[in-house]
PDB file of N, CA and C in Angstrom:
ATOM      1  N   PRO A   1      79.875-197.529 121.191  1.00  0.00           N
ATOM      2  CA  PRO A   1      81.076-196.707 121.196  1.00  0.00           C
ATOM      3  C   PRO A   1      81.534-196.311 119.790  1.00  0.00           C
ATOM      4  N   TYR A   2      81.309-197.178 118.811  1.00  0.00           N
ATOM      5  CA  TYR A   2      81.752-196.881 117.454  1.00  0.00           C
ATOM      6  C   TYR A   2      80.997-195.686 116.877  1.00  0.00           C
ATOM      7  N   TYR A   3      79.716-195.585 117.164  1.00  0.00           N
ATOM      8  CA  TYR A   3      78.935-194.432 116.696  1.00  0.00           C
ATOM      9  C   TYR A   3      79.512-193.152 117.281  1.00  0.00           C
ATOM     10  N   ASP A   4      79.817-193.176 118.568  1.00  0.00           N
ATOM     11  CA  ASP A   4      80.392-191.990 119.215  1.00  0.00           C
ATOM     12  C   ASP A   4      81.688-191.574 118.534  1.00  0.00           C
ATOM     13  N   TYR A   5      82.524-192.542 118.223  1.00  0.00           N
ATOM     14  CA  TYR A   5      83.793-192.258 117.551  1.00  0.00           C
ATOM     15  C   TYR A   5      83.545-191.581 116.204  1.00  0.00           C
ATOM     16  N   LEU A   6      82.636-192.142 115.418  1.00  0.00           N
ATOM     17  CA  LEU A   6      82.344-191.568 114.103  1.00  0.00           C
ATOM     18  C   LEU A   6      81.794-190.149 114.212  1.00  0.00           C
ATOM     19  N   LEU A   7      80.892-189.933 115.143  1.00  0.00           N
ATOM     20  CA  LEU A   7      80.278-188.617 115.291  1.00  0.00           C
ATOM     21  C   LEU A   7      81.277-187.582 115.791  1.00  0.00           C
ATOM     22  N   LYS A   8      82.221-187.999 116.619  1.00  0.00           N
ATOM     23  CA  LYS A   8      83.240-187.069 117.119  1.00  0.00           C
ATOM     24  C   LYS A   8      84.208-186.634 116.027  1.00  0.00           C
ATOM     25  N   LEU A   9      84.298-187.399 114.952  1.00  0.00           N
ATOM     26  CA  LEU A   9      85.143-187.009 113.820  1.00  0.00           C
ATOM     27  C   LEU A   9      84.554-185.818 113.063  1.00  0.00           C
ATOM     28  N   ARG A  10      83.265-185.553 113.277  1.00  0.00           N
ATOM     29  CA  ARG A  10      82.553-184.431 112.653  1.00  0.00           C
ATOM     30  C   ARG A  10      82.704-184.414 111.124  1.00  0.00           C
ATOM     31  N   PRO A  11      82.368-185.538 110.464  1.00  0.00           N
ATOM     32  CA  PRO A  11      82.426-185.523 109.003  1.00  0.00           C
ATOM     33  C   PRO A  11      81.366-184.576 108.455  1.00  0.00           C
ATOM     34  N   ARG A  12      81.595-184.057 107.259  1.00  0.00           N
ATOM     35  CA  ARG A  12      80.590-183.191 106.632  1.00  0.00           C
ATOM     36  C   ARG A  12      79.381-184.002 106.212  1.00  0.00           C
ATOM     37  N   ARG A  13      79.629-185.249 105.801  1.00  0.00           N
ATOM     38  CA  ARG A  13      78.512-186.119 105.435  1.00  0.00           C
ATOM     39  C   ARG A  13      78.913-187.582 105.596  1.00  0.00           C
ATOM     40  N   ILE A  14      77.883-188.393 105.694  1.00  0.00           N
ATOM     41  CA  ILE A  14      78.052-189.841 105.741  1.00  0.00           C
ATOM     42  C   ILE A  14      77.241-190.407 104.586  1.00  0.00           C
ATOM     43  N   ILE A  15      77.880-191.229 103.775  1.00  0.00           N
ATOM     44  CA  ILE A  15      77.215-191.848 102.633  1.00  0.00           C
ATOM     45  C   ILE A  15      77.003-193.325 102.945  1.00  0.00           C
ATOM     46  N   PHE A  16      75.753-193.750 102.831  1.00  0.00           N
ATOM     47  CA  PHE A  16      75.412-195.159 103.001  1.00  0.00           C
ATOM     48  C   PHE A  16      75.173-195.748 101.617  1.00  0.00           C
ATOM     49  N   ASN A  17      75.990-196.694 101.229  1.00  0.00           N
ATOM     50  CA  ASN A  17      75.785-197.378  99.957  1.00  0.00           C
ATOM     51  C   ASN A  17      74.535-198.246 100.051  1.00  0.00           C
ATOM     52  N   PRO A  18      73.907-198.541  98.896  1.00  0.00           N
ATOM     53  CA  PRO A  18      72.716-199.398  98.907  1.00  0.00           C
ATOM     54  C   PRO A  18      72.993-200.719  99.630  1.00  0.00           C
ATOM     55  N   GLY A  19      72.100-201.059 100.538  1.00  0.00           N
ATOM     56  CA  GLY A  19      72.244-202.276 101.326  1.00  0.00           C
ATOM     57  C   GLY A  19      73.011-202.079 102.618  1.00  0.00           C
ATOM     58  N   ALA A  20      73.625-200.914 102.775  1.00  0.00           N
ATOM     59  CA  ALA A  20      74.412-200.641 103.982  1.00  0.00           C
ATOM     60  C   ALA A  20      73.784-199.530 104.821  1.00  0.00           C
ATOM     61  N   GLU A  21      72.529-199.212 104.535  1.00  0.00           N
ATOM     62  CA  GLU A  21      71.858-198.152 105.280  1.00  0.00           C
ATOM     63  C   GLU A  21      71.807-198.493 106.771  1.00  0.00           C
ATOM     64  N   ASN A  22      71.889-197.463 107.593  1.00  0.00           N
ATOM     65  CA  ASN A  22      71.866-197.643 109.039  1.00  0.00           C
ATOM     66  C   ASN A  22      70.997-196.529 109.620  1.00  0.00           C
ATOM     67  N   PRO A  23      69.692-196.791 109.792  1.00  0.00           N
ATOM     68  CA  PRO A  23      68.777-195.747 110.252  1.00  0.00           C
ATOM     69  C   PRO A  23      69.172-195.122 111.593  1.00  0.00           C
ATOM     70  N   GLU A  24      69.690-195.925 112.496  1.00  0.00           N
ATOM     71  CA  GLU A  24      70.071-195.394 113.809  1.00  0.00           C
ATOM     72  C   GLU A  24      71.234-194.410 113.684  1.00  0.00           C
ATOM     73  N   LEU A  25      72.278-194.798 112.974  1.00  0.00           N
ATOM     74  CA  LEU A  25      73.417-193.903 112.785  1.00  0.00           C
ATOM     75  C   LEU A  25      73.011-192.683 111.962  1.00  0.00           C
ATOM     76  N   ALA A  26      72.164-192.870 110.969  1.00  0.00           N
ATOM     77  CA  ALA A  26      71.693-191.748 110.156  1.00  0.00           C
ATOM     78  C   ALA A  26      70.947-190.734 111.021  1.00  0.00           C
ATOM     79  N   ARG A  27      70.107-191.217 111.915  1.00  0.00           N
ATOM     80  CA  ARG A  27      69.353-190.326 112.808  1.00  0.00           C
ATOM     81  C   ARG A  27      70.293-189.560 113.728  1.00  0.00           C
ATOM     82  N   LEU A  28      71.255-190.258 114.315  1.00  0.00           N
ATOM     83  CA  LEU A  28      72.210-189.612 115.217  1.00  0.00           C
ATOM     84  C   LEU A  28      73.052-188.579 114.474  1.00  0.00           C
ATOM     85  N   ALA A  29      73.489-188.921 113.276  1.00  0.00           N
ATOM     86  CA  ALA A  29      74.305-187.997 112.489  1.00  0.00           C
ATOM     87  C   ALA A  29      73.499-186.759 112.107  1.00  0.00           C
ATOM     88  N   SER A  30      72.283-186.950 111.670  1.00  0.00           N
ATOM     89  CA  SER A  30      71.428-185.814 111.312  1.00  0.00           C
ATOM     90  C   SER A  30      71.216-184.890 112.502  1.00  0.00           C
ATOM     91  N   ALA A  31      71.022-185.474 113.667  1.00  0.00           N
ATOM     92  CA  ALA A  31      70.828-184.676 114.879  1.00  0.00           C
ATOM     93  C   ALA A  31      72.059-183.839 115.209  1.00  0.00           C
ATOM     94  N   GLU A  32      73.237-184.286 114.746  1.00  0.00           N
ATOM     95  CA  GLU A  32      74.489-183.554 114.972  1.00  0.00           C
ATOM     96  C   GLU A  32      74.799-182.585 113.830  1.00  0.00           C
ATOM     97  N   GLY A  33      73.873-182.474 112.880  1.00  0.00           N
ATOM     98  CA  GLY A  33      74.082-181.557 111.763  1.00  0.00           C
ATOM     99  C   GLY A  33      74.941-182.123 110.645  1.00  0.00           C
ATOM    100  N   ILE A  34      75.119-183.425 110.637  1.00  0.00           N
ATOM    101  CA  ILE A  34      75.913-184.088 109.606  1.00  0.00           C
ATOM    102  C   ILE A  34      74.976-184.519 108.482  1.00  0.00           C
ATOM    103  N   GLU A  35      75.336-184.178 107.256  1.00  0.00           N
ATOM    104  CA  GLU A  35      74.533-184.564 106.099  1.00  0.00           C
ATOM    105  C   GLU A  35      74.586-186.077 105.934  1.00  0.00           C
ATOM    106  N   VAL A  36      73.435-186.671 105.696  1.00  0.00           N
ATOM    107  CA  VAL A  36      73.342-188.115 105.508  1.00  0.00           C
ATOM    108  C   VAL A  36      72.786-188.369 104.114  1.00  0.00           C
ATOM    109  N   GLU A  37      73.435-189.256 103.386  1.00  0.00           N
ATOM    110  CA  GLU A  37      73.022-189.544 102.022  1.00  0.00           C
ATOM    111  C   GLU A  37      73.029-191.050 101.797  1.00  0.00           C
ATOM    112  N   SER A  38      71.968-191.543 101.177  1.00  0.00           N
ATOM    113  CA  SER A  38      71.915-192.943 100.763  1.00  0.00           C
ATOM    114  C   SER A  38      72.127-192.955  99.260  1.00  0.00           C
ATOM    115  N   ALA A  39      73.304-193.374  98.846  1.00  0.00           N
ATOM    116  CA  ALA A  39      73.646-193.349  97.426  1.00  0.00           C
ATOM    117  C   ALA A  39      74.827-194.273  97.172  1.00  0.00           C
ATOM    118  N   CYS A  40      74.991-194.623  95.929  1.00  0.00           N
ATOM    119  CA  CYS A  40      76.124-195.451  95.521  1.00  0.00           C
ATOM    120  C   CYS A  40      77.331-194.548  95.278  1.00  0.00           C
ATOM    121  N   THR A  41      78.413-194.790  95.985  1.00  0.00           N
ATOM    122  CA  THR A  41      79.595-193.936  95.831  1.00  0.00           C
ATOM    123  C   THR A  41      80.173-194.034  94.425  1.00  0.00           C
ATOM    124  N   LEU A  42      80.045-195.179  93.773  1.00  0.00           N
ATOM    125  CA  LEU A  42      80.549-195.307  92.401  1.00  0.00           C
ATOM    126  C   LEU A  42      79.777-194.401  91.449  1.00  0.00           C
ATOM    127  N   VAL A  43      78.469-194.310  91.641  1.00  0.00           N
ATOM    128  CA  VAL A  43      77.656-193.415  90.814  1.00  0.00           C
ATOM    129  C   VAL A  43      78.001-191.965  91.134  1.00  0.00           C
ATOM    130  N   LEU A  44      78.160-191.650  92.406  1.00  0.00           N
ATOM    131  CA  LEU A  44      78.535-190.286  92.791  1.00  0.00           C
ATOM    132  C   LEU A  44      79.863-189.891  92.159  1.00  0.00           C
ATOM    133  N   LEU A  45      80.820-190.792  92.165  1.00  0.00           N
ATOM    134  CA  LEU A  45      82.118-190.514  91.542  1.00  0.00           C
ATOM    135  C   LEU A  45      81.979-190.308  90.039  1.00  0.00           C
ATOM    136  N   ALA A  46      81.164-191.119  89.405  1.00  0.00           N
ATOM    137  CA  ALA A  46      80.996-191.040  87.954  1.00  0.00           C
ATOM    138  C   ALA A  46      80.344-189.734  87.519  1.00  0.00           C
ATOM    139  N   TYR A  47      79.475-189.190  88.369  1.00  0.00           N
ATOM    140  CA  TYR A  47      78.738-187.986  87.998  1.00  0.00           C
ATOM    141  C   TYR A  47      79.178-186.745  88.757  1.00  0.00           C
ATOM    142  N   GLY A  48      80.304-186.826  89.427  1.00  0.00           N
ATOM    143  CA  GLY A  48      80.847-185.654  90.104  1.00  0.00           C
ATOM    144  C   GLY A  48      80.128-185.262  91.381  1.00  0.00           C
ATOM    145  N   GLY A  49      79.379-186.164  91.962  1.00  0.00           N
ATOM    146  CA  GLY A  49      78.647-185.856  93.181  1.00  0.00           C
ATOM    147  C   GLY A  49      79.388-186.196  94.456  1.00  0.00           C
ATOM    148  N   TYR A  50      80.566-186.762  94.301  1.00  0.00           N
ATOM    149  CA  TYR A  50      81.328-187.164  95.471  1.00  0.00           C
ATOM    150  C   TYR A  50      82.155-186.009  95.915  1.00  0.00           C
TER     151      TYR A  50
END
């Protein structure tokens, strides 16, 4: 049910921090047209990628 809730929010992207990757959720999100990224949010913030 939690995956359904997240997907219904229709985020533009989902970021998985290192060690928190979730292949099942990533696959479902990609199938819904949601961008999936495996990256460190702290690095993204530091370099303007967030």
